[in-house]
Structures are given as C-alpha cells and as structure tokens.
Amino acid sequence: MARVVDRLSGSARFALAIRTGRRAGSSTLVVHLARPDSEPTSPDAGPPPRVGFVVSRAVGNAVTRNRVKRRLRELVRAEELPTGALVVVRALPPAATASYMELRRDLARCLSRVTS
C-alpha cells in the first residue's frame, strides 16, 4: 500500500477508472477504483496511486464545491491506497452539508469495500 497520492488528470483516465473499476457508494459520495493489471512485489515499486475528484454544480455553489474538494483531498491523503490504483471520488449533493467526520466515515467505508 502506498502513502503518496498523485492527481488523476485527463478524461481518459477518469473514464478508465469509472468504467473498469469497482464502485462503492454511500449517502455522500461514490468511490471508483481501478487496479493495475500487475501488482508489484514491494509497496515502493511502481507508480503511486492517482486520485481525482468529481464535485458537480448539484453539490452547491463554487465556495461549497471547493470546500468539499478540500475536505476530500485531505481525507484521501490519510488513507492507504493500492500502488498504481486509479481512484475517482464523486461527491453527491448531501456532501455539501455533511460534517468532516461523516465524510471521513463514508470515504473509509467505500474505500474498504472497493479495495477488498
């Protein structure tokens, strides 16, 4: 499991994670995770996981969306993700009013379901 997290960029990588990955949802967010084809033998070998966020206008205005993204970015940094994984975290409208602890609980639960 890797600790360093890189940004997921480009619509092709987002689409790959969403179409081919496993999915788990909660009341505030949905997590998609696509694993690489081959697992490296050591945790430090291979690329770090890449994480992208989707927070649509349905979540709220720009201030609200940015607050949700900042919270999710910080929460993902604390999680152990598989080396080379592509992860997309999609916030749902209830994420705007959810507390930091609710988002943390939902993210941890969704990540444990897609990584198992």
PDB file of N, CA and C in Angstrom:
ATOM      1  N   MET A   1       0.834  -1.181   0.000  1.00  0.00           N
ATOM      2  CA  MET A   1       0.000   0.000   0.000  1.00  0.00           C
ATOM      3  C   MET A   1       0.880   1.246   0.000  1.00  0.00           C
ATOM      4  N   ALA A   2       0.538   2.188  -0.854  1.00  0.00           N
ATOM      5  CA  ALA A   2       1.325   3.397  -0.988  1.00  0.00           C
ATOM      6  C   ALA A   2       0.734   4.529  -0.159  1.00  0.00           C
ATOM      7  N   ARG A   3       1.563   5.456   0.231  1.00  0.00           N
ATOM      8  CA  ARG A   3       1.120   6.581   1.028  1.00  0.00           C
ATOM      9  C   ARG A   3       1.025   7.862   0.197  1.00  0.00           C
ATOM     10  N   VAL A   4       1.914   8.033  -0.767  1.00  0.00           N
ATOM     11  CA  VAL A   4       1.929   9.225  -1.599  1.00  0.00           C
ATOM     12  C   VAL A   4       0.787   9.135  -2.602  1.00  0.00           C
ATOM     13  N   VAL A   5       0.122  10.251  -2.842  1.00  0.00           N
ATOM     14  CA  VAL A   5      -1.017  10.273  -3.757  1.00  0.00           C
ATOM     15  C   VAL A   5      -0.767  11.351  -4.810  1.00  0.00           C
ATOM     16  N   ASP A   6      -0.917  10.985  -6.083  1.00  0.00           N
ATOM     17  CA  ASP A   6      -0.811  11.935  -7.185  1.00  0.00           C
ATOM     18  C   ASP A   6      -2.199  12.282  -7.693  1.00  0.00           C
ATOM     19  N   ARG A   7      -2.267  13.376  -8.458  1.00  0.00           N
ATOM     20  CA  ARG A   7      -3.537  13.782  -9.053  1.00  0.00           C
ATOM     21  C   ARG A   7      -3.861  12.937 -10.262  1.00  0.00           C
ATOM     22  N   LEU A   8      -5.109  12.636 -10.413  1.00  0.00           N
ATOM     23  CA  LEU A   8      -5.609  11.953 -11.602  1.00  0.00           C
ATOM     24  C   LEU A   8      -6.075  13.043 -12.554  1.00  0.00           C
ATOM     25  N   SER A   9      -5.518  13.051 -13.759  1.00  0.00           N
ATOM     26  CA  SER A   9      -5.916  14.085 -14.711  1.00  0.00           C
ATOM     27  C   SER A   9      -6.212  13.443 -16.061  1.00  0.00           C
ATOM     28  N   GLY A  10      -6.967  14.134 -16.836  1.00  0.00           N
ATOM     29  CA  GLY A  10      -7.323  13.647 -18.164  1.00  0.00           C
ATOM     30  C   GLY A  10      -8.594  12.837 -18.140  1.00  0.00           C
ATOM     31  N   SER A  11      -9.461  13.143 -19.080  1.00  0.00           N
ATOM     32  CA  SER A  11     -10.756  12.470 -19.106  1.00  0.00           C
ATOM     33  C   SER A  11     -10.624  10.979 -19.394  1.00  0.00           C
ATOM     34  N   ALA A  12      -9.578  10.571 -20.105  1.00  0.00           N
ATOM     35  CA  ALA A  12      -9.403   9.151 -20.420  1.00  0.00           C
ATOM     36  C   ALA A  12      -9.146   8.342 -19.153  1.00  0.00           C
ATOM     37  N   ARG A  13      -8.345   8.874 -18.253  1.00  0.00           N
ATOM     38  CA  ARG A  13      -8.065   8.147 -17.006  1.00  0.00           C
ATOM     39  C   ARG A  13      -9.290   8.126 -16.094  1.00  0.00           C
ATOM     40  N   PHE A  14     -10.018   9.222 -16.046  1.00  0.00           N
ATOM     41  CA  PHE A  14     -11.258   9.241 -15.269  1.00  0.00           C
ATOM     42  C   PHE A  14     -12.212   8.181 -15.815  1.00  0.00           C
ATOM     43  N   ALA A  15     -12.360   8.148 -17.129  1.00  0.00           N
ATOM     44  CA  ALA A  15     -13.268   7.186 -17.761  1.00  0.00           C
ATOM     45  C   ALA A  15     -12.809   5.758 -17.495  1.00  0.00           C
ATOM     46  N   LEU A  16     -11.497   5.514 -17.546  1.00  0.00           N
ATOM     47  CA  LEU A  16     -10.968   4.177 -17.280  1.00  0.00           C
ATOM     48  C   LEU A  16     -11.316   3.727 -15.861  1.00  0.00           C
ATOM     49  N   ALA A  17     -11.114   4.605 -14.897  1.00  0.00           N
ATOM     50  CA  ALA A  17     -11.415   4.261 -13.501  1.00  0.00           C
ATOM     51  C   ALA A  17     -12.908   4.026 -13.297  1.00  0.00           C
ATOM     52  N   ILE A  18     -13.729   4.835 -13.939  1.00  0.00           N
ATOM     53  CA  ILE A  18     -15.175   4.714 -13.741  1.00  0.00           C
ATOM     54  C   ILE A  18     -15.737   3.492 -14.468  1.00  0.00           C
ATOM     55  N   ARG A  19     -15.262   3.232 -15.670  1.00  0.00           N
ATOM     56  CA  ARG A  19     -15.816   2.130 -16.465  1.00  0.00           C
ATOM     57  C   ARG A  19     -15.287   0.757 -16.057  1.00  0.00           C
ATOM     58  N   THR A  20     -14.002   0.669 -15.727  1.00  0.00           N
ATOM     59  CA  THR A  20     -13.416  -0.651 -15.462  1.00  0.00           C
ATOM     60  C   THR A  20     -13.232  -0.942 -13.982  1.00  0.00           C
ATOM     61  N   GLY A  21     -13.357   0.065 -13.142  1.00  0.00           N
ATOM     62  CA  GLY A  21     -13.084  -0.138 -11.724  1.00  0.00           C
ATOM     63  C   GLY A  21     -14.266  -0.641 -10.926  1.00  0.00           C
ATOM     64  N   ARG A  22     -13.968  -0.971  -9.685  1.00  0.00           N
ATOM     65  CA  ARG A  22     -15.028  -1.342  -8.743  1.00  0.00           C
ATOM     66  C   ARG A  22     -15.644  -0.068  -8.192  1.00  0.00           C
ATOM     67  N   ARG A  23     -16.893  -0.168  -7.755  1.00  0.00           N
ATOM     68  CA  ARG A  23     -17.615   1.012  -7.277  1.00  0.00           C
ATOM     69  C   ARG A  23     -18.277   0.703  -5.946  1.00  0.00           C
ATOM     70  N   ALA A  24     -18.225   1.681  -5.054  1.00  0.00           N
ATOM     71  CA  ALA A  24     -18.942   1.593  -3.781  1.00  0.00           C
ATOM     72  C   ALA A  24     -19.496   2.979  -3.478  1.00  0.00           C
ATOM     73  N   GLY A  25     -20.704   3.013  -2.947  1.00  0.00           N
ATOM     74  CA  GLY A  25     -21.338   4.294  -2.682  1.00  0.00           C
ATOM     75  C   GLY A  25     -21.851   4.412  -1.266  1.00  0.00           C
ATOM     76  N   SER A  26     -22.093   5.642  -0.892  1.00  0.00           N
ATOM     77  CA  SER A  26     -22.700   5.950   0.396  1.00  0.00           C
ATOM     78  C   SER A  26     -23.665   7.104   0.168  1.00  0.00           C
ATOM     79  N   SER A  27     -24.173   7.666   1.231  1.00  0.00           N
ATOM     80  CA  SER A  27     -25.136   8.758   1.076  1.00  0.00           C
ATOM     81  C   SER A  27     -24.475  10.049   0.598  1.00  0.00           C
ATOM     82  N   THR A  28     -23.165  10.209   0.810  1.00  0.00           N
ATOM     83  CA  THR A  28     -22.498  11.458   0.462  1.00  0.00           C
ATOM     84  C   THR A  28     -21.546  11.357  -0.722  1.00  0.00           C
ATOM     85  N   LEU A  29     -21.085  10.140  -1.058  1.00  0.00           N
ATOM     86  CA  LEU A  29     -20.123  10.024  -2.149  1.00  0.00           C
ATOM     87  C   LEU A  29     -20.104   8.633  -2.760  1.00  0.00           C
ATOM     88  N   VAL A  30     -19.482   8.554  -3.930  1.00  0.00           N
ATOM     89  CA  VAL A  30     -19.284   7.294  -4.639  1.00  0.00           C
ATOM     90  C   VAL A  30     -17.796   7.199  -4.961  1.00  0.00           C
ATOM     91  N   VAL A  31     -17.204   6.034  -4.717  1.00  0.00           N
ATOM     92  CA  VAL A  31     -15.781   5.821  -4.978  1.00  0.00           C
ATOM     93  C   VAL A  31     -15.636   4.765  -6.065  1.00  0.00           C
ATOM     94  N   HIS A  32     -14.836   5.076  -7.088  1.00  0.00           N
ATOM     95  CA  HIS A  32     -14.487   4.142  -8.159  1.00  0.00           C
ATOM     96  C   HIS A  32     -12.998   3.861  -8.030  1.00  0.00           C
ATOM     97  N   LEU A  33     -12.595   2.587  -8.103  1.00  0.00           N
ATOM     98  CA  LEU A  33     -11.187   2.230  -8.012  1.00  0.00           C
ATOM     99  C   LEU A  33     -10.846   1.203  -9.080  1.00  0.00           C
ATOM    100  N   ALA A  34      -9.870   1.539  -9.924  1.00  0.00           N
ATOM    101  CA  ALA A  34      -9.361   0.610 -10.937  1.00  0.00           C
ATOM    102  C   ALA A  34      -7.945   0.246 -10.537  1.00  0.00           C
ATOM    103  N   ARG A  35      -7.682  -1.047 -10.436  1.00  0.00           N
ATOM    104  CA  ARG A  35      -6.347  -1.508 -10.061  1.00  0.00           C
ATOM    105  C   ARG A  35      -5.531  -1.793 -11.309  1.00  0.00           C
ATOM    106  N   PRO A  36      -4.206  -1.682 -11.180  1.00  0.00           N
ATOM    107  CA  PRO A  36      -3.365  -2.040 -12.322  1.00  0.00           C
ATOM    108  C   PRO A  36      -3.419  -3.549 -12.558  1.00  0.00           C
ATOM    109  N   ASP A  37      -3.046  -3.975 -13.763  1.00  0.00           N
ATOM    110  CA  ASP A  37      -3.094  -5.395 -14.103  1.00  0.00           C
ATOM    111  C   ASP A  37      -2.124  -6.228 -13.281  1.00  0.00           C
ATOM    112  N   SER A  38      -0.935  -5.721 -13.041  1.00  0.00           N
ATOM    113  CA  SER A  38       0.059  -6.498 -12.290  1.00  0.00           C
ATOM    114  C   SER A  38       0.410  -5.774 -11.004  1.00  0.00           C
ATOM    115  N   GLU A  39       0.403  -6.499  -9.915  1.00  0.00           N
ATOM    116  CA  GLU A  39       0.755  -5.941  -8.614  1.00  0.00           C
ATOM    117  C   GLU A  39       2.265  -6.033  -8.422  1.00  0.00           C
ATOM    118  N   PRO A  40       2.949  -4.944  -8.062  1.00  0.00           N
ATOM    119  CA  PRO A  40       4.377  -5.008  -7.816  1.00  0.00           C
ATOM    120  C   PRO A  40       4.684  -5.829  -6.561  1.00  0.00           C
ATOM    121  N   THR A  41       5.896  -6.345  -6.495  1.00  0.00           N
ATOM    122  CA  THR A  41       6.260  -7.204  -5.371  1.00  0.00           C
ATOM    123  C   THR A  41       6.492  -6.407  -4.098  1.00  0.00           C
ATOM    124  N   SER A  42       6.984  -5.187  -4.197  1.00  0.00           N
ATOM    125  CA  SER A  42       7.183  -4.378  -2.996  1.00  0.00           C
ATOM    126  C   SER A  42       6.290  -3.144  -3.063  1.00  0.00           C
ATOM    127  N   PRO A  43       5.885  -2.619  -1.906  1.00  0.00           N
ATOM    128  CA  PRO A  43       4.973  -1.470  -1.907  1.00  0.00           C
ATOM    129  C   PRO A  43       5.565  -0.217  -2.533  1.00  0.00           C
ATOM    130  N   ASP A  44       6.903  -0.077  -2.497  1.00  0.00           N
ATOM    131  CA  ASP A  44       7.530   1.121  -3.041  1.00  0.00           C
ATOM    132  C   ASP A  44       7.744   1.034  -4.550  1.00  0.00           C
ATOM    133  N   ALA A  45       7.623  -0.165  -5.118  1.00  0.00           N
ATOM    134  CA  ALA A  45       7.794  -0.326  -6.558  1.00  0.00           C
ATOM    135  C   ALA A  45       6.520   0.099  -7.275  1.00  0.00           C
ATOM    136  N   GLY A  46       6.690   0.651  -8.441  1.00  0.00           N
ATOM    137  CA  GLY A  46       5.525   1.030  -9.218  1.00  0.00           C
ATOM    138  C   GLY A  46       5.069   2.445  -8.934  1.00  0.00           C
ATOM    139  N   PRO A  47       4.138   2.907  -9.727  1.00  0.00           N
ATOM    140  CA  PRO A  47       3.663   4.289  -9.584  1.00  0.00           C
ATOM    141  C   PRO A  47       2.775   4.467  -8.356  1.00  0.00           C
ATOM    142  N   PRO A  48       2.723   5.686  -7.828  1.00  0.00           N
ATOM    143  CA  PRO A  48       1.821   5.941  -6.704  1.00  0.00           C
ATOM    144  C   PRO A  48       0.377   5.934  -7.178  1.00  0.00           C
ATOM    145  N   PRO A  49      -0.566   5.794  -6.268  1.00  0.00           N
ATOM    146  CA  PRO A  49      -1.976   5.865  -6.676  1.00  0.00           C
ATOM    147  C   PRO A  49      -2.307   7.268  -7.183  1.00  0.00           C
ATOM    148  N   ARG A  50      -3.253   7.334  -8.088  1.00  0.00           N
ATOM    149  CA  ARG A  50      -3.717   8.621  -8.619  1.00  0.00           C
ATOM    150  C   ARG A  50      -5.177   8.787  -8.236  1.00  0.00           C
ATOM    151  N   VAL A  51      -5.504   9.967  -7.720  1.00  0.00           N
ATOM    152  CA  VAL A  51      -6.863  10.236  -7.229  1.00  0.00           C
ATOM    153  C   VAL A  51      -7.411  11.482  -7.905  1.00  0.00           C
ATOM    154  N   GLY A  52      -8.663  11.385  -8.353  1.00  0.00           N
ATOM    155  CA  GLY A  52      -9.365  12.521  -8.936  1.00  0.00           C
ATOM    156  C   GLY A  52     -10.712  12.708  -8.245  1.00  0.00           C
ATOM    157  N   PHE A  53     -11.211  13.919  -8.284  1.00  0.00           N
ATOM    158  CA  PHE A  53     -12.464  14.249  -7.608  1.00  0.00           C
ATOM    159  C   PHE A  53     -13.448  14.832  -8.608  1.00  0.00           C
ATOM    160  N   VAL A  54     -14.711  14.454  -8.447  1.00  0.00           N
ATOM    161  CA  VAL A  54     -15.788  14.991  -9.264  1.00  0.00           C
ATOM    162  C   VAL A  54     -16.797  15.595  -8.294  1.00  0.00           C
ATOM    163  N   VAL A  55     -16.918  16.915  -8.364  1.00  0.00           N
ATOM    164  CA  VAL A  55     -17.866  17.621  -7.499  1.00  0.00           C
ATOM    165  C   VAL A  55     -18.670  18.541  -8.413  1.00  0.00           C
ATOM    166  N   SER A  56     -19.875  18.107  -8.754  1.00  0.00           N
ATOM    167  CA  SER A  56     -20.677  18.833  -9.738  1.00  0.00           C
ATOM    168  C   SER A  56     -21.380  20.035  -9.121  1.00  0.00           C
ATOM    169  N   ARG A  57     -21.995  20.829  -9.986  1.00  0.00           N
ATOM    170  CA  ARG A  57     -22.739  22.003  -9.532  1.00  0.00           C
ATOM    171  C   ARG A  57     -23.945  21.628  -8.698  1.00  0.00           C
ATOM    172  N   ALA A  58     -24.386  20.385  -8.782  1.00  0.00           N
ATOM    173  CA  ALA A  58     -25.517  19.936  -7.969  1.00  0.00           C
ATOM    174  C   ALA A  58     -25.160  19.950  -6.486  1.00  0.00           C
ATOM    175  N   VAL A  59     -23.870  19.886  -6.175  1.00  0.00           N
ATOM    176  CA  VAL A  59     -23.432  19.903  -4.776  1.00  0.00           C
ATOM    177  C   VAL A  59     -23.629  21.286  -4.164  1.00  0.00           C
ATOM    178  N   GLY A  60     -23.435  22.319  -4.949  1.00  0.00           N
ATOM    179  CA  GLY A  60     -23.628  23.676  -4.427  1.00  0.00           C
ATOM    180  C   GLY A  60     -22.864  24.687  -5.262  1.00  0.00           C
ATOM    181  N   ASN A  61     -22.749  25.896  -4.706  1.00  0.00           N
ATOM    182  CA  ASN A  61     -22.033  26.947  -5.425  1.00  0.00           C
ATOM    183  C   ASN A  61     -20.522  26.688  -5.353  1.00  0.00           C
ATOM    184  N   ALA A  62     -19.731  27.559  -5.946  1.00  0.00           N
ATOM    185  CA  ALA A  62     -18.284  27.341  -6.051  1.00  0.00           C
ATOM    186  C   ALA A  62     -17.620  27.228  -4.679  1.00  0.00           C
ATOM    187  N   VAL A  63     -18.052  28.043  -3.741  1.00  0.00           N
ATOM    188  CA  VAL A  63     -17.462  28.000  -2.399  1.00  0.00           C
ATOM    189  C   VAL A  63     -17.723  26.640  -1.753  1.00  0.00           C
ATOM    190  N   THR A  64     -18.926  26.153  -1.865  1.00  0.00           N
ATOM    191  CA  THR A  64     -19.301  24.855  -1.286  1.00  0.00           C
ATOM    192  C   THR A  64     -18.551  23.723  -1.969  1.00  0.00           C
ATOM    193  N   ARG A  65     -18.496  23.755  -3.306  1.00  0.00           N
ATOM    194  CA  ARG A  65     -17.790  22.693  -4.036  1.00  0.00           C
ATOM    195  C   ARG A  65     -16.317  22.656  -3.674  1.00  0.00           C
ATOM    196  N   ASN A  66     -15.685  23.812  -3.576  1.00  0.00           N
ATOM    197  CA  ASN A  66     -14.268  23.851  -3.215  1.00  0.00           C
ATOM    198  C   ASN A  66     -14.028  23.364  -1.792  1.00  0.00           C
ATOM    199  N   ARG A  67     -14.936  23.680  -0.878  1.00  0.00           N
ATOM    200  CA  ARG A  67     -14.803  23.189   0.497  1.00  0.00           C
ATOM    201  C   ARG A  67     -14.895  21.663   0.537  1.00  0.00           C
ATOM    202  N   VAL A  68     -15.832  21.105  -0.213  1.00  0.00           N
ATOM    203  CA  VAL A  68     -15.976  19.648  -0.276  1.00  0.00           C
ATOM    204  C   VAL A  68     -14.715  19.022  -0.866  1.00  0.00           C
ATOM    205  N   LYS A  69     -14.181  19.607  -1.941  1.00  0.00           N
ATOM    206  CA  LYS A  69     -12.955  19.080  -2.548  1.00  0.00           C
ATOM    207  C   LYS A  69     -11.778  19.139  -1.592  1.00  0.00           C
ATOM    208  N   ARG A  70     -11.620  20.243  -0.867  1.00  0.00           N
ATOM    209  CA  ARG A  70     -10.517  20.366   0.094  1.00  0.00           C
ATOM    210  C   ARG A  70     -10.620  19.304   1.173  1.00  0.00           C
ATOM    211  N   ARG A  71     -11.825  19.095   1.683  1.00  0.00           N
ATOM    212  CA  ARG A  71     -12.027  18.074   2.717  1.00  0.00           C
ATOM    213  C   ARG A  71     -11.694  16.680   2.190  1.00  0.00           C
ATOM    214  N   LEU A  72     -12.190  16.375   1.000  1.00  0.00           N
ATOM    215  CA  LEU A  72     -11.949  15.048   0.426  1.00  0.00           C
ATOM    216  C   LEU A  72     -10.467  14.825   0.126  1.00  0.00           C
ATOM    217  N   ARG A  73      -9.788  15.848  -0.386  1.00  0.00           N
ATOM    218  CA  ARG A  73      -8.345  15.717  -0.654  1.00  0.00           C
ATOM    219  C   ARG A  73      -7.583  15.386   0.623  1.00  0.00           C
ATOM    220  N   GLU A  74      -7.911  16.074   1.689  1.00  0.00           N
ATOM    221  CA  GLU A  74      -7.227  15.830   2.962  1.00  0.00           C
ATOM    222  C   GLU A  74      -7.549  14.438   3.501  1.00  0.00           C
ATOM    223  N   LEU A  75      -8.774  14.013   3.364  1.00  0.00           N
ATOM    224  CA  LEU A  75      -9.160  12.684   3.844  1.00  0.00           C
ATOM    225  C   LEU A  75      -8.476  11.574   3.051  1.00  0.00           C
ATOM    226  N   VAL A  76      -8.340  11.751   1.742  1.00  0.00           N
ATOM    227  CA  VAL A  76      -7.704  10.725   0.911  1.00  0.00           C
ATOM    228  C   VAL A  76      -6.220  10.610   1.241  1.00  0.00           C
ATOM    229  N   ARG A  77      -5.580  11.716   1.582  1.00  0.00           N
ATOM    230  CA  ARG A  77      -4.157  11.673   1.937  1.00  0.00           C
ATOM    231  C   ARG A  77      -3.898  10.747   3.121  1.00  0.00           C
ATOM    232  N   ALA A  78      -4.857  10.633   4.015  1.00  0.00           N
ATOM    233  CA  ALA A  78      -4.683   9.814   5.214  1.00  0.00           C
ATOM    234  C   ALA A  78      -4.963   8.332   4.961  1.00  0.00           C
ATOM    235  N   GLU A  79      -5.512   7.997   3.804  1.00  0.00           N
ATOM    236  CA  GLU A  79      -5.889   6.606   3.508  1.00  0.00           C
ATOM    237  C   GLU A  79      -4.749   5.857   2.837  1.00  0.00           C
ATOM    238  N   GLU A  80      -4.718   4.561   3.053  1.00  0.00           N
ATOM    239  CA  GLU A  80      -3.768   3.670   2.379  1.00  0.00           C
ATOM    240  C   GLU A  80      -4.422   3.179   1.093  1.00  0.00           C
ATOM    241  N   LEU A  81      -3.809   3.494  -0.043  1.00  0.00           N
ATOM    242  CA  LEU A  81      -4.357   3.107  -1.338  1.00  0.00           C
ATOM    243  C   LEU A  81      -3.388   2.155  -2.040  1.00  0.00           C
ATOM    244  N   PRO A  82      -3.901   1.238  -2.853  1.00  0.00           N
ATOM    245  CA  PRO A  82      -3.029   0.311  -3.575  1.00  0.00           C
ATOM    246  C   PRO A  82      -2.097   1.049  -4.542  1.00  0.00           C
ATOM    247  N   THR A  83      -0.894   0.564  -4.668  1.00  0.00           N
ATOM    248  CA  THR A  83       0.081   1.145  -5.578  1.00  0.00           C
ATOM    249  C   THR A  83      -0.451   1.108  -7.007  1.00  0.00           C
ATOM    250  N   GLY A  84      -0.350   2.244  -7.688  1.00  0.00           N
ATOM    251  CA  GLY A  84      -0.764   2.326  -9.081  1.00  0.00           C
ATOM    252  C   GLY A  84      -2.254   2.405  -9.323  1.00  0.00           C
ATOM    253  N   ALA A  85      -3.060   2.447  -8.271  1.00  0.00           N
ATOM    254  CA  ALA A  85      -4.516   2.470  -8.432  1.00  0.00           C
ATOM    255  C   ALA A  85      -4.984   3.811  -9.000  1.00  0.00           C
ATOM    256  N   LEU A  86      -6.071   3.757  -9.747  1.00  0.00           N
ATOM    257  CA  LEU A  86      -6.753   4.955 -10.214  1.00  0.00           C
ATOM    258  C   LEU A  86      -8.037   5.071  -9.409  1.00  0.00           C
ATOM    259  N   VAL A  87      -8.197   6.165  -8.697  1.00  0.00           N
ATOM    260  CA  VAL A  87      -9.344   6.346  -7.805  1.00  0.00           C
ATOM    261  C   VAL A  87     -10.086   7.614  -8.207  1.00  0.00           C
ATOM    262  N   VAL A  88     -11.400   7.502  -8.341  1.00  0.00           N
ATOM    263  CA  VAL A  88     -12.247   8.665  -8.584  1.00  0.00           C
ATOM    264  C   VAL A  88     -13.246   8.742  -7.434  1.00  0.00           C
ATOM    265  N   VAL A  89     -13.282   9.893  -6.776  1.00  0.00           N
ATOM    266  CA  VAL A  89     -14.226  10.134  -5.681  1.00  0.00           C
ATOM    267  C   VAL A  89     -15.238  11.147  -6.198  1.00  0.00           C
ATOM    268  N   ARG A  90     -16.501  10.731  -6.278  1.00  0.00           N
ATOM    269  CA  ARG A  90     -17.573  11.595  -6.775  1.00  0.00           C
ATOM    270  C   ARG A  90     -18.450  12.012  -5.609  1.00  0.00           C
ATOM    271  N   ALA A  91     -18.508  13.303  -5.356  1.00  0.00           N
ATOM    272  CA  ALA A  91     -19.326  13.827  -4.263  1.00  0.00           C
ATOM    273  C   ALA A  91     -20.778  13.947  -4.711  1.00  0.00           C
ATOM    274  N   LEU A  92     -21.673  13.552  -3.844  1.00  0.00           N
ATOM    275  CA  LEU A  92     -23.108  13.683  -4.092  1.00  0.00           C
ATOM    276  C   LEU A  92     -23.618  14.934  -3.373  1.00  0.00           C
ATOM    277  N   PRO A  93     -24.786  15.452  -3.742  1.00  0.00           N
ATOM    278  CA  PRO A  93     -25.287  16.685  -3.115  1.00  0.00           C
ATOM    279  C   PRO A  93     -25.301  16.687  -1.581  1.00  0.00           C
ATOM    280  N   PRO A  94     -25.602  15.575  -0.883  1.00  0.00           N
ATOM    281  CA  PRO A  94     -25.559  15.626   0.582  1.00  0.00           C
ATOM    282  C   PRO A  94     -24.162  15.869   1.160  1.00  0.00           C
ATOM    283  N   ALA A  95     -23.110  15.755   0.355  1.00  0.00           N
ATOM    284  CA  ALA A  95     -21.746  16.017   0.840  1.00  0.00           C
ATOM    285  C   ALA A  95     -21.578  17.481   1.245  1.00  0.00           C
ATOM    286  N   ALA A  96     -22.389  18.361   0.673  1.00  0.00           N
ATOM    287  CA  ALA A  96     -22.290  19.786   0.980  1.00  0.00           C
ATOM    288  C   ALA A  96     -22.620  20.078   2.440  1.00  0.00           C
ATOM    289  N   THR A  97     -23.546  19.337   3.002  1.00  0.00           N
ATOM    290  CA  THR A  97     -23.958  19.594   4.383  1.00  0.00           C
ATOM    291  C   THR A  97     -23.392  18.573   5.363  1.00  0.00           C
ATOM    292  N   ALA A  98     -22.637  17.607   4.859  1.00  0.00           N
ATOM    293  CA  ALA A  98     -22.073  16.572   5.733  1.00  0.00           C
ATOM    294  C   ALA A  98     -20.904  17.143   6.531  1.00  0.00           C
ATOM    295  N   SER A  99     -20.744  16.640   7.744  1.00  0.00           N
ATOM    296  CA  SER A  99     -19.615  17.070   8.565  1.00  0.00           C
ATOM    297  C   SER A  99     -18.349  16.370   8.083  1.00  0.00           C
ATOM    298  N   TYR A 100     -17.212  16.861   8.549  1.00  0.00           N
ATOM    299  CA  TYR A 100     -15.921  16.259   8.210  1.00  0.00           C
ATOM    300  C   TYR A 100     -15.891  14.799   8.640  1.00  0.00           C
ATOM    301  N   MET A 101     -16.420  14.509   9.811  1.00  0.00           N
ATOM    302  CA  MET A 101     -16.417  13.134  10.326  1.00  0.00           C
ATOM    303  C   MET A 101     -17.316  12.222   9.491  1.00  0.00           C
ATOM    304  N   GLU A 102     -18.449  12.727   9.017  1.00  0.00           N
ATOM    305  CA  GLU A 102     -19.329  11.925   8.159  1.00  0.00           C
ATOM    306  C   GLU A 102     -18.640  11.589   6.847  1.00  0.00           C
ATOM    307  N   LEU A 103     -17.969  12.591   6.254  1.00  0.00           N
ATOM    308  CA  LEU A 103     -17.238  12.334   5.017  1.00  0.00           C
ATOM    309  C   LEU A 103     -16.116  11.325   5.254  1.00  0.00           C
ATOM    310  N   ARG A 104     -15.437  11.451   6.365  1.00  0.00           N
ATOM    311  CA  ARG A 104     -14.347  10.518   6.691  1.00  0.00           C
ATOM    312  C   ARG A 104     -14.867   9.097   6.820  1.00  0.00           C
ATOM    313  N   ARG A 105     -15.961   8.947   7.531  1.00  0.00           N
ATOM    314  CA  ARG A 105     -16.555   7.619   7.723  1.00  0.00           C
ATOM    315  C   ARG A 105     -17.012   7.020   6.390  1.00  0.00           C
ATOM    316  N   ASP A 106     -17.691   7.821   5.569  1.00  0.00           N
ATOM    317  CA  ASP A 106     -18.186   7.334   4.287  1.00  0.00           C
ATOM    318  C   ASP A 106     -17.034   6.985   3.339  1.00  0.00           C
ATOM    319  N   LEU A 107     -15.996   7.821   3.308  1.00  0.00           N
ATOM    320  CA  LEU A 107     -14.860   7.538   2.444  1.00  0.00           C
ATOM    321  C   LEU A 107     -14.145   6.261   2.877  1.00  0.00           C
ATOM    322  N   ALA A 108     -13.915   6.115   4.167  1.00  0.00           N
ATOM    323  CA  ALA A 108     -13.235   4.904   4.660  1.00  0.00           C
ATOM    324  C   ALA A 108     -14.049   3.656   4.344  1.00  0.00           C
ATOM    325  N   ARG A 109     -15.353   3.724   4.535  1.00  0.00           N
ATOM    326  CA  ARG A 109     -16.217   2.566   4.256  1.00  0.00           C
ATOM    327  C   ARG A 109     -16.204   2.218   2.766  1.00  0.00           C
ATOM    328  N   CYS A 110     -16.305   3.221   1.914  1.00  0.00           N
ATOM    329  CA  CYS A 110     -16.308   2.964   0.469  1.00  0.00           C
ATOM    330  C   CYS A 110     -14.951   2.425   0.000  1.00  0.00           C
ATOM    331  N   LEU A 111     -13.860   2.996   0.506  1.00  0.00           N
ATOM    332  CA  LEU A 111     -12.536   2.524   0.097  1.00  0.00           C
ATOM    333  C   LEU A 111     -12.298   1.094   0.565  1.00  0.00           C
ATOM    334  N   SER A 112     -12.779   0.751   1.756  1.00  0.00           N
ATOM    335  CA  SER A 112     -12.581  -0.623   2.227  1.00  0.00           C
ATOM    336  C   SER A 112     -13.367  -1.614   1.369  1.00  0.00           C
ATOM    337  N   ARG A 113     -14.522  -1.197   0.867  1.00  0.00           N
ATOM    338  CA  ARG A 113     -15.307  -2.094   0.013  1.00  0.00           C
ATOM    339  C   ARG A 113     -14.692  -2.270  -1.361  1.00  0.00           C
ATOM    340  N   VAL A 114     -14.120  -1.215  -1.942  1.00  0.00           N
ATOM    341  CA  VAL A 114     -13.547  -1.359  -3.290  1.00  0.00           C
ATOM    342  C   VAL A 114     -12.151  -1.973  -3.275  1.00  0.00           C
ATOM    343  N   THR A 115     -11.444  -1.899  -2.163  1.00  0.00           N
ATOM    344  CA  THR A 115     -10.097  -2.481  -2.116  1.00  0.00           C
ATOM    345  C   THR A 115     -10.105  -3.929  -1.676  1.00  0.00           C
ATOM    346  N   SER A 116     -11.207  -4.416  -1.122  1.00  0.00           N
ATOM    347  CA  SER A 116     -11.226  -5.803  -0.666  1.00  0.00           C
ATOM    348  C   SER A 116     -11.510  -6.781  -1.781  1.00  0.00           C
TER     349      SER A 116
END
